N, C-alpha and C. Protein backbone atom coordinates (compact mmCIF):
# COMPACT_ATOMS: atom_id res chain seq x y z
N MET A 1 -6.83 -9.05 5.83
CA MET A 1 -6.92 -7.88 4.98
C MET A 1 -8.08 -8.08 4.02
N ARG A 2 -8.96 -7.16 3.99
CA ARG A 2 -10.07 -7.19 3.04
C ARG A 2 -9.63 -6.42 1.82
N ARG A 3 -9.65 -7.09 0.68
CA ARG A 3 -9.24 -6.43 -0.56
C ARG A 3 -10.32 -5.45 -1.00
N PRO A 4 -9.94 -4.19 -1.20
CA PRO A 4 -10.92 -3.20 -1.66
C PRO A 4 -11.52 -3.61 -3.01
N LYS A 5 -12.82 -3.37 -3.16
CA LYS A 5 -13.50 -3.70 -4.41
C LYS A 5 -12.97 -2.84 -5.54
N LYS A 6 -13.00 -3.43 -6.73
CA LYS A 6 -12.62 -2.66 -7.91
C LYS A 6 -13.68 -1.61 -8.16
N GLY A 7 -13.26 -0.55 -8.68
CA GLY A 7 -14.14 0.56 -8.97
C GLY A 7 -13.27 1.78 -9.10
N PRO A 8 -13.87 2.93 -9.11
CA PRO A 8 -13.05 4.14 -9.24
C PRO A 8 -12.20 4.37 -7.99
N LYS A 9 -11.00 4.85 -8.21
CA LYS A 9 -10.09 5.19 -7.11
C LYS A 9 -10.63 6.44 -6.44
N PRO A 10 -10.75 6.44 -5.12
CA PRO A 10 -11.22 7.64 -4.43
C PRO A 10 -10.32 8.84 -4.73
N GLU A 11 -10.92 9.97 -5.03
CA GLU A 11 -10.17 11.17 -5.41
C GLU A 11 -9.18 11.63 -4.35
N ASN A 12 -9.54 11.46 -3.09
CA ASN A 12 -8.68 11.96 -2.01
C ASN A 12 -7.66 10.93 -1.53
N SER A 13 -7.51 9.81 -2.23
CA SER A 13 -6.50 8.84 -1.86
C SER A 13 -5.21 9.11 -2.62
N ARG A 14 -4.09 8.70 -2.03
CA ARG A 14 -2.78 8.91 -2.65
C ARG A 14 -1.92 7.67 -2.46
N THR A 15 -0.90 7.54 -3.33
CA THR A 15 0.03 6.41 -3.20
C THR A 15 0.99 6.66 -2.05
N VAL A 16 1.76 5.62 -1.68
CA VAL A 16 2.77 5.76 -0.63
C VAL A 16 3.77 6.86 -1.00
N THR A 17 4.17 6.89 -2.26
CA THR A 17 5.13 7.91 -2.70
C THR A 17 4.52 9.30 -2.59
N GLN A 18 3.27 9.46 -3.01
CA GLN A 18 2.61 10.77 -2.92
C GLN A 18 2.49 11.21 -1.47
N TRP A 19 2.14 10.28 -0.57
CA TRP A 19 2.07 10.63 0.85
C TRP A 19 3.46 10.94 1.37
N GLY A 20 4.46 10.16 0.95
CA GLY A 20 5.84 10.40 1.39
C GLY A 20 6.32 11.79 1.04
N LEU A 21 5.96 12.25 -0.15
CA LEU A 21 6.34 13.61 -0.56
C LEU A 21 5.69 14.67 0.32
N ARG A 22 4.60 14.30 0.96
CA ARG A 22 3.91 15.22 1.89
C ARG A 22 4.36 14.99 3.33
N GLY A 23 5.34 14.09 3.52
CA GLY A 23 5.86 13.83 4.87
C GLY A 23 4.98 12.92 5.70
N ARG A 24 4.17 12.06 5.02
CA ARG A 24 3.26 11.16 5.73
C ARG A 24 3.53 9.72 5.33
N ILE A 25 3.11 8.80 6.18
CA ILE A 25 3.32 7.37 5.97
C ILE A 25 2.06 6.63 6.44
N PRO A 26 1.69 5.51 5.79
CA PRO A 26 0.51 4.77 6.24
C PRO A 26 0.66 4.24 7.66
N ILE A 27 -0.43 4.31 8.41
CA ILE A 27 -0.46 3.76 9.77
C ILE A 27 -0.58 2.25 9.69
N ASP A 28 -1.55 1.78 8.93
CA ASP A 28 -1.76 0.34 8.75
C ASP A 28 -1.63 0.02 7.27
N PRO A 29 -0.46 -0.48 6.84
CA PRO A 29 -0.26 -0.75 5.42
C PRO A 29 -1.20 -1.81 4.86
N LEU A 30 -1.79 -2.63 5.72
CA LEU A 30 -2.70 -3.68 5.25
C LEU A 30 -4.14 -3.20 5.11
N LYS A 31 -4.35 -1.89 5.21
CA LYS A 31 -5.69 -1.33 5.03
C LYS A 31 -5.68 -0.26 3.94
N PRO A 32 -5.34 -0.66 2.72
CA PRO A 32 -5.36 0.32 1.63
C PRO A 32 -6.78 0.67 1.24
N GLN A 33 -6.94 1.82 0.62
CA GLN A 33 -8.26 2.23 0.14
C GLN A 33 -8.52 1.66 -1.25
N TYR A 34 -7.43 1.49 -2.01
CA TYR A 34 -7.58 1.04 -3.39
C TYR A 34 -6.27 0.39 -3.82
N ILE A 35 -6.37 -0.70 -4.55
CA ILE A 35 -5.18 -1.37 -5.09
C ILE A 35 -5.34 -1.43 -6.60
N TRP A 36 -4.39 -0.83 -7.29
CA TRP A 36 -4.37 -0.91 -8.75
C TRP A 36 -3.40 -2.02 -9.09
N ASP A 37 -3.90 -3.04 -9.79
CA ASP A 37 -3.03 -4.17 -10.13
C ASP A 37 -2.99 -4.39 -11.63
N ASN A 38 -2.07 -5.25 -12.04
CA ASN A 38 -1.93 -5.54 -13.46
C ASN A 38 -2.87 -6.69 -13.86
N TYR A 39 -2.77 -7.12 -15.07
CA TYR A 39 -3.62 -8.18 -15.62
C TYR A 39 -3.55 -9.46 -14.80
N TYR A 40 -2.40 -9.73 -14.19
CA TYR A 40 -2.19 -10.97 -13.42
C TYR A 40 -2.56 -10.83 -11.95
N GLY A 41 -3.09 -9.70 -11.56
CA GLY A 41 -3.49 -9.49 -10.17
C GLY A 41 -2.35 -9.10 -9.26
N VAL A 42 -1.24 -8.68 -9.82
CA VAL A 42 -0.09 -8.25 -9.03
C VAL A 42 -0.23 -6.75 -8.74
N PRO A 43 -0.20 -6.36 -7.46
CA PRO A 43 -0.34 -4.95 -7.13
C PRO A 43 0.76 -4.10 -7.75
N VAL A 44 0.35 -2.96 -8.32
CA VAL A 44 1.28 -2.03 -8.96
C VAL A 44 1.33 -0.73 -8.15
N SER A 45 0.17 -0.25 -7.73
CA SER A 45 0.07 0.96 -6.91
C SER A 45 -0.96 0.73 -5.82
N ILE A 46 -0.64 1.24 -4.64
CA ILE A 46 -1.52 1.08 -3.49
C ILE A 46 -1.86 2.47 -2.99
N TYR A 47 -3.15 2.71 -2.79
CA TYR A 47 -3.62 4.03 -2.39
C TYR A 47 -4.19 4.00 -0.98
N TYR A 48 -3.87 5.05 -0.21
CA TYR A 48 -4.35 5.20 1.16
C TYR A 48 -5.04 6.55 1.32
N LEU A 49 -5.98 6.59 2.25
CA LEU A 49 -6.63 7.86 2.61
C LEU A 49 -5.82 8.53 3.72
N GLU A 50 -5.99 9.81 3.85
CA GLU A 50 -5.23 10.57 4.85
C GLU A 50 -5.48 10.07 6.28
N ASP A 51 -6.70 9.63 6.58
CA ASP A 51 -6.97 9.19 7.95
C ASP A 51 -6.24 7.89 8.31
N ASN A 52 -5.61 7.24 7.33
CA ASN A 52 -4.78 6.07 7.61
C ASN A 52 -3.30 6.43 7.40
N THR A 53 -2.94 7.70 7.63
CA THR A 53 -1.54 8.11 7.55
C THR A 53 -1.18 8.92 8.79
N ARG A 54 0.11 9.06 9.00
CA ARG A 54 0.62 9.87 10.12
C ARG A 54 1.88 10.58 9.64
N GLU A 55 2.32 11.55 10.40
CA GLU A 55 3.56 12.25 10.08
C GLU A 55 4.74 11.28 10.18
N MET A 56 5.68 11.40 9.26
CA MET A 56 6.88 10.56 9.29
C MET A 56 7.82 11.02 10.41
N THR A 57 8.56 10.05 10.96
CA THR A 57 9.64 10.39 11.87
C THR A 57 10.82 10.88 11.02
N GLU A 58 11.81 11.46 11.64
CA GLU A 58 12.99 11.91 10.91
C GLU A 58 13.69 10.73 10.22
N THR A 59 13.74 9.59 10.88
CA THR A 59 14.36 8.40 10.29
C THR A 59 13.59 7.95 9.05
N GLU A 60 12.27 7.95 9.13
CA GLU A 60 11.43 7.57 7.98
C GLU A 60 11.61 8.56 6.82
N LYS A 61 11.69 9.85 7.14
CA LYS A 61 11.90 10.85 6.09
C LYS A 61 13.23 10.62 5.38
N THR A 62 14.27 10.36 6.16
CA THR A 62 15.59 10.10 5.59
C THR A 62 15.56 8.86 4.71
N ASP A 63 14.93 7.81 5.19
CA ASP A 63 14.79 6.56 4.43
C ASP A 63 14.04 6.81 3.13
N PHE A 64 12.95 7.54 3.20
CA PHE A 64 12.15 7.84 2.02
C PHE A 64 12.95 8.66 1.01
N LEU A 65 13.60 9.71 1.47
CA LEU A 65 14.34 10.58 0.56
C LEU A 65 15.56 9.88 -0.04
N ALA A 66 16.12 8.92 0.67
CA ALA A 66 17.29 8.18 0.17
C ALA A 66 16.94 7.31 -1.03
N ASP A 67 15.74 6.70 -1.01
CA ASP A 67 15.37 5.79 -2.11
C ASP A 67 13.86 5.63 -2.16
N TRP A 68 13.21 6.49 -2.95
CA TRP A 68 11.74 6.44 -3.08
C TRP A 68 11.26 5.10 -3.58
N LYS A 69 11.97 4.55 -4.57
CA LYS A 69 11.54 3.29 -5.18
C LYS A 69 11.55 2.14 -4.16
N ALA A 70 12.63 2.02 -3.40
CA ALA A 70 12.71 0.96 -2.39
C ALA A 70 11.63 1.15 -1.33
N PHE A 71 11.37 2.38 -0.97
CA PHE A 71 10.32 2.69 0.01
C PHE A 71 8.97 2.20 -0.50
N ARG A 72 8.67 2.52 -1.75
CA ARG A 72 7.41 2.11 -2.39
C ARG A 72 7.34 0.58 -2.51
N GLN A 73 8.45 -0.04 -2.93
CA GLN A 73 8.49 -1.48 -3.12
C GLN A 73 8.22 -2.24 -1.81
N ARG A 74 8.67 -1.68 -0.70
CA ARG A 74 8.42 -2.31 0.60
C ARG A 74 6.92 -2.47 0.85
N TYR A 75 6.16 -1.44 0.53
CA TYR A 75 4.70 -1.50 0.73
C TYR A 75 4.04 -2.44 -0.27
N LEU A 76 4.51 -2.45 -1.50
CA LEU A 76 3.97 -3.40 -2.49
C LEU A 76 4.22 -4.83 -2.03
N LYS A 77 5.39 -5.09 -1.45
CA LYS A 77 5.70 -6.43 -0.97
C LYS A 77 4.80 -6.82 0.21
N ILE A 78 4.56 -5.90 1.11
CA ILE A 78 3.66 -6.18 2.25
C ILE A 78 2.30 -6.62 1.74
N ILE A 79 1.75 -5.87 0.79
CA ILE A 79 0.43 -6.18 0.23
C ILE A 79 0.47 -7.48 -0.55
N SER A 80 1.47 -7.67 -1.39
CA SER A 80 1.57 -8.90 -2.19
C SER A 80 1.69 -10.13 -1.31
N ASP A 81 2.52 -10.04 -0.27
CA ASP A 81 2.68 -11.18 0.65
C ASP A 81 1.37 -11.51 1.36
N GLU A 82 0.65 -10.49 1.77
CA GLU A 82 -0.63 -10.72 2.46
C GLU A 82 -1.66 -11.32 1.51
N LEU A 83 -1.72 -10.83 0.28
CA LEU A 83 -2.66 -11.40 -0.69
C LEU A 83 -2.33 -12.86 -0.97
N GLU A 84 -1.05 -13.18 -1.08
CA GLU A 84 -0.64 -14.57 -1.31
C GLU A 84 -1.00 -15.44 -0.11
N ARG A 85 -0.80 -14.92 1.10
CA ARG A 85 -1.16 -15.66 2.31
C ARG A 85 -2.66 -15.96 2.33
N LEU A 86 -3.47 -14.97 1.96
CA LEU A 86 -4.92 -15.16 1.93
C LEU A 86 -5.33 -16.17 0.86
N ARG A 87 -4.66 -16.13 -0.31
CA ARG A 87 -4.96 -17.12 -1.36
C ARG A 87 -4.62 -18.53 -0.90
N GLU A 88 -3.48 -18.66 -0.24
CA GLU A 88 -3.03 -19.97 0.27
C GLU A 88 -4.01 -20.48 1.31
N GLU A 89 -4.46 -19.60 2.17
CA GLU A 89 -5.43 -19.96 3.22
C GLU A 89 -6.74 -20.43 2.57
N ALA A 90 -7.18 -19.74 1.54
CA ALA A 90 -8.42 -20.11 0.84
C ALA A 90 -8.28 -21.47 0.15
N ARG A 91 -7.10 -21.73 -0.41
CA ARG A 91 -6.87 -23.04 -1.07
C ARG A 91 -6.92 -24.18 -0.06
N LYS A 92 -6.40 -23.95 1.12
CA LYS A 92 -6.40 -24.99 2.17
C LYS A 92 -7.81 -25.30 2.64
N LYS A 93 -8.69 -24.31 2.59
CA LYS A 93 -10.07 -24.51 3.04
C LYS A 93 -10.91 -25.28 2.02
N GLU A 94 -10.47 -25.28 0.77
CA GLU A 94 -11.25 -25.93 -0.29
C GLU A 94 -11.18 -27.43 -0.22
């Protein structure tokens, strides 16, 4: 996963929750357009472009509507785990 450079968030990107409200879900969660993180580098919001989303299945819609927060947290965990894996890999190479 290549971490997107810091800079302005693209205007046409949306968070997982925003896409979920439109009935869409990221195709590849490890290819965000922008990651907004806190002071410690922990992802808080992850933004995707429409071309990296698809229509949700009925099961995904039900899951999303049942618990938006858990749905969002799942994607934050995917990104956090991948960033930690990349940091660990970089430490081993040093």
